[in-house]
Amino acid sequence: MQEDKRVQTLRSVARLLAIFAKQVELKRALAVADPQPQLEFWRLMHGGLSNLAVIEWCKLFGAKGSNALHWQRVYSDRECEFRTGLRAATAMNDPAFTVYWRNIKSWRDSNFAHFDPDAELPPKWPNFDTAIAAADYYYSWVNVELAKSEFHLHPATLKTFRQTVRSGYDKAAALAVHSTKDLSQS
C-alpha cells in the first residue's frame, strides 16, 4: 500500500511538471509569434500563462510546507543530494538560486496569487530558464524512481516532452497570431 502511494505521488509530480512545462512552452511560442503584442488579447494571454506557470512552479519549488509535491517533501530523505544536483542543473550556487526563488515567489505572492499594493515588483515577467532547468532535473529524479517500480514516464525526459509540445505550439501560435493581425482594440 505504501509503495502505491509513493508511485501515485511521483506520477502527480510528473503531471504537474508537465503542466508547468506546457505553460512555459506556450508562452515562449507566443513570444516568438508576436514578441511585442499590441492586441490586448495577446498581452493577457502572455501574462496569464506566465502567472499560471509561476503558480505551478511554486507548488514544486516554492515554500516547503505549502504543497505535498514540493521537492523537499517528496525527497525529504535525500534533500542534500537533491539540492546539490539542483544547483548543478541550474548552474547556480545556493545564494543565487535563493535570489531567483525569492523573485519568483515574490511575484506570485505580491502580484496575482495574493495582492500587495505596496510590493515592489520586478520590471518584467519572470524569466523561466532557471525554472525549466529545475523542473527538468526534478523530472529526471521522478523518472528514475518510477522506473524502479516498473512505471516509465514517456517521454523519458521533460526536455523531450517540452520539445514535442513546443513544435505544435509554434505552429498554433503562428497561425493564431496571424489570424488576429487585422483586429484592432475596441
N, C-alpha and C. Protein backbone atom coordinates (compact mmCIF):
# COMPACT_ATOMS: atom_id res chain seq x y z
N MET A 1 0.82 -1.20 0.00
CA MET A 1 0.00 0.00 0.00
C MET A 1 0.86 1.26 0.00
N GLN A 2 1.92 1.27 0.81
CA GLN A 2 2.79 2.44 0.89
C GLN A 2 3.46 2.71 -0.45
N GLU A 3 3.92 1.65 -1.15
CA GLU A 3 4.54 1.82 -2.46
C GLU A 3 3.56 2.43 -3.45
N ASP A 4 2.31 1.99 -3.41
CA ASP A 4 1.29 2.54 -4.31
C ASP A 4 1.13 4.03 -4.08
N LYS A 5 1.15 4.46 -2.84
CA LYS A 5 1.02 5.88 -2.51
C LYS A 5 2.22 6.65 -3.05
N ARG A 6 3.41 6.07 -2.93
CA ARG A 6 4.63 6.72 -3.43
C ARG A 6 4.56 6.88 -4.96
N VAL A 7 4.16 5.83 -5.64
CA VAL A 7 4.03 5.89 -7.11
C VAL A 7 2.99 6.93 -7.49
N GLN A 8 1.90 6.98 -6.77
CA GLN A 8 0.85 7.97 -7.04
C GLN A 8 1.41 9.39 -6.86
N THR A 9 2.17 9.62 -5.82
CA THR A 9 2.78 10.93 -5.58
C THR A 9 3.73 11.29 -6.71
N LEU A 10 4.58 10.36 -7.10
CA LEU A 10 5.55 10.63 -8.16
C LEU A 10 4.86 10.88 -9.50
N ARG A 11 3.81 10.15 -9.78
CA ARG A 11 3.06 10.39 -11.02
C ARG A 11 2.40 11.77 -10.98
N SER A 12 1.94 12.18 -9.81
CA SER A 12 1.35 13.52 -9.67
C SER A 12 2.41 14.60 -9.89
N VAL A 13 3.61 14.38 -9.38
CA VAL A 13 4.70 15.33 -9.60
C VAL A 13 4.99 15.43 -11.10
N ALA A 14 5.08 14.30 -11.77
CA ALA A 14 5.36 14.30 -13.21
C ALA A 14 4.27 15.05 -13.98
N ARG A 15 3.04 14.84 -13.58
CA ARG A 15 1.92 15.53 -14.24
C ARG A 15 2.02 17.05 -14.03
N LEU A 16 2.33 17.46 -12.81
CA LEU A 16 2.46 18.89 -12.51
C LEU A 16 3.65 19.51 -13.24
N LEU A 17 4.75 18.78 -13.32
CA LEU A 17 5.90 19.26 -14.08
C LEU A 17 5.54 19.43 -15.56
N ALA A 18 4.76 18.51 -16.09
CA ALA A 18 4.33 18.60 -17.49
C ALA A 18 3.42 19.80 -17.71
N ILE A 19 2.52 20.05 -16.78
CA ILE A 19 1.63 21.22 -16.88
C ILE A 19 2.46 22.50 -16.89
N PHE A 20 3.40 22.60 -15.96
CA PHE A 20 4.29 23.76 -15.90
C PHE A 20 5.04 23.92 -17.23
N ALA A 21 5.61 22.84 -17.73
CA ALA A 21 6.37 22.89 -18.98
C ALA A 21 5.50 23.34 -20.14
N LYS A 22 4.27 22.85 -20.21
CA LYS A 22 3.36 23.26 -21.29
C LYS A 22 3.09 24.76 -21.23
N GLN A 23 2.88 25.28 -20.04
CA GLN A 23 2.59 26.72 -19.90
C GLN A 23 3.78 27.56 -20.35
N VAL A 24 4.96 27.16 -19.96
CA VAL A 24 6.16 27.91 -20.35
C VAL A 24 6.37 27.81 -21.86
N GLU A 25 6.22 26.64 -22.41
CA GLU A 25 6.46 26.48 -23.84
C GLU A 25 5.41 27.21 -24.68
N LEU A 26 4.17 27.24 -24.22
CA LEU A 26 3.15 28.00 -24.95
C LEU A 26 3.47 29.50 -24.86
N LYS A 27 3.86 29.97 -23.69
CA LYS A 27 4.26 31.38 -23.53
C LYS A 27 5.41 31.70 -24.47
N ARG A 28 6.39 30.83 -24.55
CA ARG A 28 7.54 31.05 -25.43
C ARG A 28 7.13 31.04 -26.90
N ALA A 29 6.25 30.12 -27.27
CA ALA A 29 5.78 30.06 -28.66
C ALA A 29 5.04 31.34 -29.03
N LEU A 30 4.22 31.83 -28.13
CA LEU A 30 3.50 33.09 -28.39
C LEU A 30 4.48 34.26 -28.49
N ALA A 31 5.52 34.24 -27.67
CA ALA A 31 6.51 35.32 -27.71
C ALA A 31 7.28 35.32 -29.02
N VAL A 32 7.51 34.15 -29.59
CA VAL A 32 8.17 34.09 -30.89
C VAL A 32 7.22 34.58 -31.98
N ALA A 33 5.96 34.15 -31.90
CA ALA A 33 4.97 34.53 -32.92
C ALA A 33 4.65 36.02 -32.88
N ASP A 34 4.69 36.62 -31.69
CA ASP A 34 4.37 38.04 -31.54
C ASP A 34 5.10 38.57 -30.31
N PRO A 35 6.37 38.97 -30.49
CA PRO A 35 7.18 39.38 -29.34
C PRO A 35 6.68 40.62 -28.60
N GLN A 36 6.04 41.52 -29.29
CA GLN A 36 5.53 42.75 -28.68
C GLN A 36 4.06 42.90 -29.05
N PRO A 37 3.21 42.09 -28.43
CA PRO A 37 1.80 42.11 -28.85
C PRO A 37 1.13 43.46 -28.58
N GLN A 38 0.42 43.94 -29.57
CA GLN A 38 -0.33 45.19 -29.43
C GLN A 38 -1.77 44.92 -29.03
N LEU A 39 -2.28 43.77 -29.45
CA LEU A 39 -3.65 43.41 -29.14
C LEU A 39 -3.74 42.98 -27.68
N GLU A 40 -4.63 43.59 -26.93
CA GLU A 40 -4.76 43.28 -25.51
C GLU A 40 -4.99 41.80 -25.27
N PHE A 41 -5.73 41.16 -26.14
CA PHE A 41 -5.98 39.72 -26.03
C PHE A 41 -4.67 38.96 -25.86
N TRP A 42 -3.68 39.25 -26.71
CA TRP A 42 -2.40 38.53 -26.63
C TRP A 42 -1.59 38.95 -25.42
N ARG A 43 -1.66 40.20 -25.03
CA ARG A 43 -0.95 40.62 -23.81
C ARG A 43 -1.50 39.89 -22.59
N LEU A 44 -2.83 39.73 -22.55
CA LEU A 44 -3.44 38.98 -21.45
C LEU A 44 -3.04 37.51 -21.48
N MET A 45 -2.96 36.94 -22.67
CA MET A 45 -2.53 35.55 -22.79
C MET A 45 -1.09 35.37 -22.28
N HIS A 46 -0.20 36.28 -22.70
CA HIS A 46 1.20 36.22 -22.25
C HIS A 46 1.27 36.29 -20.72
N GLY A 47 0.58 37.28 -20.16
CA GLY A 47 0.62 37.46 -18.70
C GLY A 47 -0.03 36.30 -17.96
N GLY A 48 -1.16 35.85 -18.46
CA GLY A 48 -1.85 34.74 -17.80
C GLY A 48 -1.03 33.46 -17.80
N LEU A 49 -0.38 33.17 -18.92
CA LEU A 49 0.47 31.97 -18.98
C LEU A 49 1.65 32.09 -18.03
N SER A 50 2.23 33.28 -17.95
CA SER A 50 3.35 33.48 -17.01
C SER A 50 2.88 33.29 -15.57
N ASN A 51 1.73 33.86 -15.24
CA ASN A 51 1.21 33.73 -13.88
C ASN A 51 0.92 32.27 -13.54
N LEU A 52 0.28 31.56 -14.45
CA LEU A 52 -0.03 30.15 -14.20
C LEU A 52 1.24 29.33 -14.05
N ALA A 53 2.24 29.60 -14.89
CA ALA A 53 3.50 28.87 -14.78
C ALA A 53 4.17 29.12 -13.43
N VAL A 54 4.13 30.35 -12.97
CA VAL A 54 4.71 30.67 -11.66
C VAL A 54 3.99 29.91 -10.55
N ILE A 55 2.67 29.86 -10.61
CA ILE A 55 1.91 29.12 -9.59
C ILE A 55 2.31 27.65 -9.59
N GLU A 56 2.36 27.04 -10.75
CA GLU A 56 2.71 25.62 -10.82
C GLU A 56 4.13 25.39 -10.32
N TRP A 57 5.07 26.26 -10.72
CA TRP A 57 6.44 26.09 -10.29
C TRP A 57 6.56 26.21 -8.77
N CYS A 58 5.80 27.14 -8.20
CA CYS A 58 5.84 27.31 -6.74
C CYS A 58 5.27 26.11 -6.00
N LYS A 59 4.36 25.39 -6.60
CA LYS A 59 3.87 24.15 -5.98
C LYS A 59 5.00 23.13 -5.85
N LEU A 60 5.93 23.17 -6.78
CA LEU A 60 7.03 22.21 -6.82
C LEU A 60 8.29 22.71 -6.12
N PHE A 61 8.50 24.04 -6.14
CA PHE A 61 9.74 24.62 -5.64
C PHE A 61 9.54 25.78 -4.68
N GLY A 62 8.31 26.17 -4.38
CA GLY A 62 8.04 27.31 -3.51
C GLY A 62 8.36 26.99 -2.06
N ALA A 63 7.49 27.36 -1.17
CA ALA A 63 7.70 27.10 0.26
C ALA A 63 7.49 25.61 0.56
N LYS A 64 8.39 25.05 1.31
CA LYS A 64 8.42 23.60 1.58
C LYS A 64 7.10 23.07 2.10
N GLY A 65 6.49 23.74 3.03
CA GLY A 65 5.29 23.20 3.65
C GLY A 65 4.01 23.44 2.88
N SER A 66 4.11 24.15 1.75
CA SER A 66 2.89 24.58 1.07
C SER A 66 2.26 23.53 0.17
N ASN A 67 2.98 22.52 -0.24
CA ASN A 67 2.43 21.56 -1.18
C ASN A 67 3.08 20.20 -0.99
N ALA A 68 2.26 19.17 -1.05
CA ALA A 68 2.76 17.80 -0.88
C ALA A 68 3.70 17.39 -2.00
N LEU A 69 3.68 18.09 -3.12
CA LEU A 69 4.52 17.72 -4.26
C LEU A 69 5.81 18.55 -4.32
N HIS A 70 6.04 19.39 -3.32
CA HIS A 70 7.29 20.15 -3.26
C HIS A 70 8.46 19.18 -3.16
N TRP A 71 9.52 19.47 -3.86
CA TRP A 71 10.65 18.55 -3.92
C TRP A 71 11.21 18.22 -2.54
N GLN A 72 11.21 19.17 -1.61
CA GLN A 72 11.77 18.91 -0.28
C GLN A 72 10.90 17.94 0.51
N ARG A 73 9.63 17.86 0.20
CA ARG A 73 8.77 16.88 0.87
C ARG A 73 8.86 15.53 0.18
N VAL A 74 8.90 15.53 -1.14
CA VAL A 74 8.96 14.28 -1.88
C VAL A 74 10.31 13.59 -1.66
N TYR A 75 11.37 14.36 -1.58
CA TYR A 75 12.71 13.79 -1.37
C TYR A 75 13.32 14.27 -0.05
N SER A 76 12.52 14.28 0.99
CA SER A 76 12.99 14.74 2.30
C SER A 76 14.13 13.87 2.83
N ASP A 77 14.16 12.61 2.43
CA ASP A 77 15.20 11.70 2.89
C ASP A 77 16.51 11.87 2.11
N ARG A 78 16.47 12.61 1.01
CA ARG A 78 17.66 12.81 0.17
C ARG A 78 17.82 14.30 -0.20
N GLU A 79 17.38 15.15 0.70
CA GLU A 79 17.34 16.58 0.42
C GLU A 79 18.70 17.15 0.04
N CYS A 80 19.73 16.79 0.74
CA CYS A 80 21.07 17.34 0.47
C CYS A 80 21.54 16.92 -0.92
N GLU A 81 21.36 15.66 -1.26
CA GLU A 81 21.75 15.16 -2.58
C GLU A 81 20.96 15.85 -3.69
N PHE A 82 19.65 15.97 -3.48
CA PHE A 82 18.80 16.62 -4.48
C PHE A 82 19.23 18.08 -4.66
N ARG A 83 19.43 18.77 -3.56
CA ARG A 83 19.79 20.19 -3.61
C ARG A 83 21.12 20.39 -4.36
N THR A 84 22.09 19.54 -4.11
CA THR A 84 23.38 19.64 -4.79
C THR A 84 23.19 19.48 -6.30
N GLY A 85 22.42 18.49 -6.70
CA GLY A 85 22.16 18.28 -8.12
C GLY A 85 21.34 19.39 -8.74
N LEU A 86 20.41 19.94 -7.98
CA LEU A 86 19.57 21.04 -8.45
C LEU A 86 20.44 22.27 -8.74
N ARG A 87 21.38 22.54 -7.86
CA ARG A 87 22.26 23.69 -8.07
C ARG A 87 23.11 23.47 -9.32
N ALA A 88 23.58 22.26 -9.52
CA ALA A 88 24.37 21.97 -10.72
C ALA A 88 23.50 22.09 -11.97
N ALA A 89 22.28 21.58 -11.92
CA ALA A 89 21.38 21.61 -13.07
C ALA A 89 20.99 23.03 -13.46
N THR A 90 20.90 23.90 -12.47
CA THR A 90 20.53 25.30 -12.74
C THR A 90 21.75 26.21 -12.90
N ALA A 91 22.93 25.64 -12.71
CA ALA A 91 24.19 26.40 -12.80
C ALA A 91 24.18 27.59 -11.85
N MET A 92 23.63 27.36 -10.65
CA MET A 92 23.56 28.42 -9.63
C MET A 92 24.02 27.88 -8.30
N ASN A 93 24.71 28.72 -7.56
CA ASN A 93 25.05 28.36 -6.18
C ASN A 93 23.83 28.65 -5.30
N ASP A 94 23.93 28.28 -4.03
CA ASP A 94 22.80 28.48 -3.13
C ASP A 94 22.31 29.92 -3.05
N PRO A 95 23.21 30.91 -2.86
CA PRO A 95 22.71 32.29 -2.79
C PRO A 95 22.02 32.75 -4.08
N ALA A 96 22.57 32.40 -5.23
CA ALA A 96 21.96 32.83 -6.50
C ALA A 96 20.61 32.17 -6.71
N PHE A 97 20.51 30.87 -6.40
CA PHE A 97 19.23 30.19 -6.55
C PHE A 97 18.20 30.77 -5.57
N THR A 98 18.64 31.08 -4.37
CA THR A 98 17.72 31.65 -3.38
C THR A 98 17.17 32.99 -3.86
N VAL A 99 18.00 33.81 -4.47
CA VAL A 99 17.54 35.09 -5.01
C VAL A 99 16.52 34.83 -6.12
N TYR A 100 16.83 33.91 -7.02
CA TYR A 100 15.90 33.57 -8.11
C TYR A 100 14.58 33.07 -7.53
N TRP A 101 14.66 32.15 -6.58
CA TRP A 101 13.48 31.56 -5.94
C TRP A 101 12.64 32.66 -5.27
N ARG A 102 13.29 33.55 -4.55
CA ARG A 102 12.57 34.65 -3.88
C ARG A 102 11.85 35.55 -4.89
N ASN A 103 12.51 35.83 -6.01
CA ASN A 103 11.88 36.68 -7.02
C ASN A 103 10.64 36.02 -7.61
N ILE A 104 10.72 34.75 -7.91
CA ILE A 104 9.55 34.03 -8.46
C ILE A 104 8.44 34.00 -7.41
N LYS A 105 8.79 33.63 -6.19
CA LYS A 105 7.80 33.53 -5.12
C LYS A 105 7.20 34.90 -4.80
N SER A 106 8.02 35.92 -4.81
CA SER A 106 7.53 37.27 -4.55
C SER A 106 6.56 37.71 -5.63
N TRP A 107 6.87 37.38 -6.88
CA TRP A 107 5.97 37.70 -7.99
C TRP A 107 4.60 37.09 -7.74
N ARG A 108 4.61 35.83 -7.35
CA ARG A 108 3.35 35.14 -7.06
C ARG A 108 2.64 35.75 -5.86
N ASP A 109 3.37 35.95 -4.79
CA ASP A 109 2.76 36.41 -3.54
C ASP A 109 2.24 37.84 -3.60
N SER A 110 2.89 38.67 -4.39
CA SER A 110 2.54 40.09 -4.38
C SER A 110 1.69 40.55 -5.55
N ASN A 111 1.64 39.75 -6.60
CA ASN A 111 1.05 40.24 -7.82
C ASN A 111 -0.23 39.55 -8.25
N PHE A 112 -0.36 38.26 -8.00
CA PHE A 112 -1.56 37.62 -8.53
C PHE A 112 -2.15 36.52 -7.67
N ALA A 113 -1.38 35.69 -7.01
CA ALA A 113 -1.99 34.70 -6.12
C ALA A 113 -2.53 35.42 -4.89
N HIS A 114 -1.82 36.46 -4.52
CA HIS A 114 -2.22 37.39 -3.47
C HIS A 114 -1.96 38.76 -4.05
N PHE A 115 -2.35 39.80 -3.37
CA PHE A 115 -2.06 41.12 -3.90
C PHE A 115 -1.58 42.02 -2.79
N ASP A 116 -0.42 42.59 -3.01
CA ASP A 116 0.14 43.55 -2.07
C ASP A 116 0.36 44.85 -2.83
N PRO A 117 -0.51 45.84 -2.62
CA PRO A 117 -0.37 47.09 -3.38
C PRO A 117 0.92 47.84 -3.10
N ASP A 118 1.58 47.52 -1.99
CA ASP A 118 2.82 48.20 -1.64
C ASP A 118 4.07 47.44 -2.08
N ALA A 119 3.87 46.28 -2.66
CA ALA A 119 5.02 45.45 -3.04
C ALA A 119 5.77 46.08 -4.21
N GLU A 120 7.07 45.92 -4.17
CA GLU A 120 7.89 46.39 -5.28
C GLU A 120 8.08 45.20 -6.21
N LEU A 121 7.56 45.33 -7.40
CA LEU A 121 7.61 44.22 -8.35
C LEU A 121 8.77 44.38 -9.32
N PRO A 122 9.27 43.24 -9.79
CA PRO A 122 10.29 43.34 -10.84
C PRO A 122 9.70 44.03 -12.07
N PRO A 123 10.52 44.67 -12.88
CA PRO A 123 10.01 45.44 -14.00
C PRO A 123 9.44 44.60 -15.15
N LYS A 124 9.74 43.29 -15.17
CA LYS A 124 9.21 42.45 -16.24
C LYS A 124 8.88 41.07 -15.69
N TRP A 125 8.20 40.30 -16.53
CA TRP A 125 7.80 38.95 -16.13
C TRP A 125 9.02 38.12 -15.78
N PRO A 126 8.85 37.13 -14.92
CA PRO A 126 9.97 36.26 -14.57
C PRO A 126 10.53 35.54 -15.80
N ASN A 127 11.82 35.32 -15.79
CA ASN A 127 12.48 34.51 -16.81
C ASN A 127 12.41 33.06 -16.35
N PHE A 128 11.99 32.18 -17.23
CA PHE A 128 11.76 30.80 -16.83
C PHE A 128 12.91 29.85 -17.14
N ASP A 129 14.04 30.33 -17.61
CA ASP A 129 15.14 29.43 -17.96
C ASP A 129 15.60 28.60 -16.76
N THR A 130 15.80 29.24 -15.63
CA THR A 130 16.22 28.51 -14.43
C THR A 130 15.11 27.61 -13.92
N ALA A 131 13.88 28.09 -13.96
CA ALA A 131 12.74 27.28 -13.51
C ALA A 131 12.61 26.02 -14.35
N ILE A 132 12.81 26.14 -15.66
CA ILE A 132 12.75 24.97 -16.54
C ILE A 132 13.88 24.00 -16.23
N ALA A 133 15.08 24.52 -16.01
CA ALA A 133 16.21 23.65 -15.67
C ALA A 133 15.92 22.89 -14.38
N ALA A 134 15.34 23.57 -13.40
CA ALA A 134 14.98 22.91 -12.14
C ALA A 134 13.91 21.85 -12.37
N ALA A 135 12.92 22.17 -13.19
CA ALA A 135 11.85 21.22 -13.49
C ALA A 135 12.39 20.00 -14.23
N ASP A 136 13.29 20.22 -15.20
CA ASP A 136 13.90 19.10 -15.92
C ASP A 136 14.63 18.17 -14.94
N TYR A 137 15.33 18.77 -14.00
CA TYR A 137 16.08 17.99 -13.01
C TYR A 137 15.13 17.18 -12.12
N TYR A 138 14.09 17.82 -11.62
CA TYR A 138 13.12 17.13 -10.76
C TYR A 138 12.48 15.97 -11.52
N TYR A 139 12.11 16.19 -12.77
CA TYR A 139 11.51 15.14 -13.59
C TYR A 139 12.45 13.95 -13.73
N SER A 140 13.75 14.23 -13.88
CA SER A 140 14.72 13.13 -14.02
C SER A 140 14.74 12.26 -12.76
N TRP A 141 14.66 12.87 -11.61
CA TRP A 141 14.62 12.11 -10.36
C TRP A 141 13.36 11.26 -10.28
N VAL A 142 12.25 11.86 -10.61
CA VAL A 142 10.97 11.14 -10.57
C VAL A 142 11.01 9.97 -11.54
N ASN A 143 11.54 10.20 -12.73
CA ASN A 143 11.57 9.14 -13.73
C ASN A 143 12.45 7.97 -13.28
N VAL A 144 13.59 8.26 -12.71
CA VAL A 144 14.48 7.18 -12.22
C VAL A 144 13.76 6.36 -11.15
N GLU A 145 13.10 7.02 -10.23
CA GLU A 145 12.41 6.29 -9.17
C GLU A 145 11.21 5.50 -9.70
N LEU A 146 10.45 6.10 -10.59
CA LEU A 146 9.30 5.39 -11.15
C LEU A 146 9.73 4.17 -11.97
N ALA A 147 10.86 4.26 -12.65
CA ALA A 147 11.35 3.13 -13.44
C ALA A 147 11.61 1.91 -12.55
N LYS A 148 12.00 2.15 -11.31
CA LYS A 148 12.22 1.04 -10.37
C LYS A 148 10.92 0.35 -10.01
N SER A 149 9.81 1.08 -10.13
CA SER A 149 8.50 0.49 -9.81
C SER A 149 7.83 -0.06 -11.07
N GLU A 150 8.59 -0.12 -12.15
CA GLU A 150 8.12 -0.61 -13.44
C GLU A 150 7.11 0.31 -14.10
N PHE A 151 7.05 1.55 -13.65
CA PHE A 151 6.24 2.56 -14.33
C PHE A 151 7.23 3.51 -14.99
N HIS A 152 7.11 3.67 -16.28
CA HIS A 152 8.05 4.50 -17.02
C HIS A 152 7.35 5.73 -17.58
N LEU A 153 7.96 6.87 -17.40
CA LEU A 153 7.43 8.10 -17.97
C LEU A 153 7.78 8.15 -19.45
N HIS A 154 6.84 8.61 -20.22
CA HIS A 154 7.08 8.79 -21.65
C HIS A 154 6.71 10.19 -22.03
N PRO A 155 7.59 10.95 -22.58
CA PRO A 155 8.98 10.61 -22.84
C PRO A 155 9.80 10.55 -21.56
N ALA A 156 11.01 10.05 -21.71
CA ALA A 156 11.86 9.82 -20.54
C ALA A 156 12.40 11.11 -19.93
N THR A 157 12.44 12.18 -20.70
CA THR A 157 12.92 13.45 -20.15
C THR A 157 11.88 14.54 -20.36
N LEU A 158 11.86 15.49 -19.46
CA LEU A 158 10.96 16.62 -19.61
C LEU A 158 11.39 17.49 -20.79
N LYS A 159 12.68 17.52 -21.07
CA LYS A 159 13.17 18.29 -22.21
C LYS A 159 12.57 17.74 -23.51
N THR A 160 12.55 16.44 -23.68
CA THR A 160 11.96 15.82 -24.87
C THR A 160 10.48 16.14 -24.95
N PHE A 161 9.81 16.05 -23.81
CA PHE A 161 8.38 16.39 -23.76
C PHE A 161 8.18 17.84 -24.20
N ARG A 162 8.99 18.74 -23.66
CA ARG A 162 8.87 20.16 -24.00
C ARG A 162 9.09 20.40 -25.48
N GLN A 163 10.08 19.74 -26.05
CA GLN A 163 10.36 19.90 -27.48
C GLN A 163 9.18 19.40 -28.33
N THR A 164 8.56 18.31 -27.92
CA THR A 164 7.42 17.76 -28.65
C THR A 164 6.23 18.72 -28.61
N VAL A 165 5.88 19.19 -27.43
CA VAL A 165 4.72 20.10 -27.35
C VAL A 165 5.04 21.44 -28.01
N ARG A 166 6.27 21.86 -27.91
CA ARG A 166 6.64 23.17 -28.47
C ARG A 166 6.47 23.20 -29.98
N SER A 167 6.79 22.12 -30.65
CA SER A 167 6.67 22.14 -32.11
C SER A 167 5.22 22.38 -32.52
N GLY A 168 4.29 21.77 -31.82
CA GLY A 168 2.87 22.01 -32.09
C GLY A 168 2.44 23.41 -31.68
N TYR A 169 2.95 23.88 -30.56
CA TYR A 169 2.60 25.22 -30.08
C TYR A 169 3.11 26.30 -31.03
N ASP A 170 4.31 26.11 -31.59
CA ASP A 170 4.86 27.10 -32.52
C ASP A 170 3.92 27.27 -33.72
N LYS A 171 3.46 26.16 -34.25
CA LYS A 171 2.55 26.22 -35.41
C LYS A 171 1.23 26.87 -35.03
N ALA A 172 0.66 26.46 -33.92
CA ALA A 172 -0.63 27.01 -33.49
C ALA A 172 -0.52 28.49 -33.16
N ALA A 173 0.55 28.88 -32.47
CA ALA A 173 0.73 30.29 -32.10
C ALA A 173 0.89 31.16 -33.34
N ALA A 174 1.69 30.71 -34.29
CA ALA A 174 1.88 31.49 -35.51
C ALA A 174 0.56 31.66 -36.25
N LEU A 175 -0.20 30.59 -36.35
CA LEU A 175 -1.49 30.66 -37.03
C LEU A 175 -2.46 31.57 -36.27
N ALA A 176 -2.51 31.44 -34.96
CA ALA A 176 -3.42 32.24 -34.15
C ALA A 176 -3.06 33.73 -34.22
N VAL A 177 -1.80 34.05 -34.09
CA VAL A 177 -1.38 35.45 -34.16
C VAL A 177 -1.67 36.01 -35.55
N HIS A 178 -1.37 35.23 -36.56
CA HIS A 178 -1.65 35.68 -37.93
C HIS A 178 -3.14 35.94 -38.14
N SER A 179 -3.97 35.08 -37.56
CA SER A 179 -5.42 35.23 -37.78
C SER A 179 -5.99 36.45 -37.05
N THR A 180 -5.25 37.01 -36.12
CA THR A 180 -5.75 38.19 -35.39
C THR A 180 -5.01 39.47 -35.78
N LYS A 181 -4.13 39.40 -36.76
CA LYS A 181 -3.29 40.56 -37.09
C LYS A 181 -4.08 41.78 -37.55
N ASP A 182 -5.24 41.57 -38.11
CA ASP A 182 -6.04 42.72 -38.60
C ASP A 182 -7.05 43.22 -37.57
N LEU A 183 -7.07 42.61 -36.40
CA LEU A 183 -8.01 43.09 -35.37
C LEU A 183 -7.43 44.33 -34.71
N SER A 184 -8.31 45.18 -34.26
CA SER A 184 -7.87 46.36 -33.53
C SER A 184 -8.55 46.39 -32.17
N GLN A 185 -7.98 47.17 -31.27
CA GLN A 185 -8.60 47.33 -29.95
C GLN A 185 -9.91 48.06 -30.09
N SER A 186 -10.90 47.65 -29.32
CA SER A 186 -12.17 48.39 -29.36
C SER A 186 -12.54 48.92 -28.00
